[in-house]
Amino acid sequence: MATIYKVEGMNCGGCTISVEKAIRSAAPDADVTVQLEGGLVTVEGVDDEGLIRQAVEDAGFTYAGAL
């Protein structure tokens, strides 16, 4: 089951790569898709919101919650 998260502060392709790498580093089995427009991150295979939040914040972005 996939979960969509809102991430604020991404404004370029490099930002999306940073968020994706951070989440994959924290959850290697996750399937991660980052959409710059709208600041949406879809994560499948990991259902640990705290882990995702920490990875996003460690990458320097603002975690705005699950949708």
Protein backbone atom coordinates (compact mmCIF):
# COMPACT_ATOMS: atom_id res chain seq x y z
CA MET A 1 0.00 0.00 0.00
CA ALA A 2 1.35 3.42 -0.96
CA THR A 3 1.25 6.47 1.27
CA ILE A 4 1.52 10.03 -0.01
CA TYR A 5 3.36 12.63 2.03
CA LYS A 6 3.53 16.41 1.63
CA VAL A 7 7.04 17.89 1.66
CA GLU A 8 7.67 21.63 1.59
CA GLY A 9 10.78 23.42 0.41
CA MET A 10 11.52 21.42 -2.73
CA ASN A 11 12.07 23.80 -5.64
CA CYS A 12 14.27 21.96 -8.15
CA GLY A 13 15.22 18.57 -9.49
CA GLY A 14 18.14 18.38 -7.10
CA CYS A 15 15.74 18.74 -4.19
CA THR A 16 13.67 15.81 -5.39
CA ILE A 17 16.79 13.68 -5.71
CA SER A 18 17.87 14.63 -2.18
CA VAL A 19 14.50 13.68 -0.70
CA GLU A 20 14.39 10.42 -2.63
CA LYS A 21 17.92 9.47 -1.57
CA ALA A 22 17.22 10.31 2.06
CA ILE A 23 14.12 8.14 2.17
CA ARG A 24 15.77 5.26 0.33
CA SER A 25 18.71 5.45 2.71
CA ALA A 26 16.39 5.22 5.72
CA ALA A 27 14.14 2.59 4.12
CA PRO A 28 16.09 0.65 1.46
CA ASP A 29 13.10 -1.54 0.52
CA ALA A 30 10.83 1.44 -0.19
CA ASP A 31 9.61 2.36 -3.64
CA VAL A 32 9.84 6.18 -3.65
CA THR A 33 8.40 8.62 -6.18
CA VAL A 34 8.90 12.36 -5.68
CA GLN A 35 6.76 14.88 -7.53
CA LEU A 36 8.25 18.38 -7.48
CA GLU A 37 5.01 20.05 -8.51
CA GLY A 38 2.80 19.89 -5.46
CA GLY A 39 5.61 18.67 -3.18
CA LEU A 40 4.29 15.13 -3.05
CA VAL A 41 6.26 12.03 -2.12
CA THR A 42 4.72 8.61 -2.65
CA VAL A 43 6.24 5.78 -0.63
CA GLU A 44 5.31 2.15 -1.10
CA GLY A 45 6.60 -0.75 0.95
CA VAL A 46 7.22 1.17 4.19
CA ASP A 47 4.45 2.27 6.54
CA ASP A 48 6.49 4.14 9.16
CA GLU A 49 5.53 7.81 9.08
CA GLY A 50 8.10 8.71 11.74
CA LEU A 51 10.90 7.20 9.66
CA ILE A 52 9.80 9.12 6.57
CA ARG A 53 9.44 12.37 8.52
CA GLN A 54 12.92 12.01 9.99
CA ALA A 55 14.48 11.26 6.60
CA VAL A 56 12.80 14.30 5.01
CA GLU A 57 13.84 16.60 7.85
CA ASP A 58 17.40 15.22 7.87
CA ALA A 59 17.58 16.10 4.16
CA GLY A 60 16.74 19.71 5.07
CA PHE A 61 13.11 19.86 4.01
CA THR A 62 9.87 20.42 5.88
CA TYR A 63 7.67 17.40 6.47
CA ALA A 64 4.04 18.54 6.22
CA GLY A 65 2.27 15.23 6.93
CA ALA A 66 0.64 12.27 5.28
CA LEU A 67 -2.29 12.82 2.95
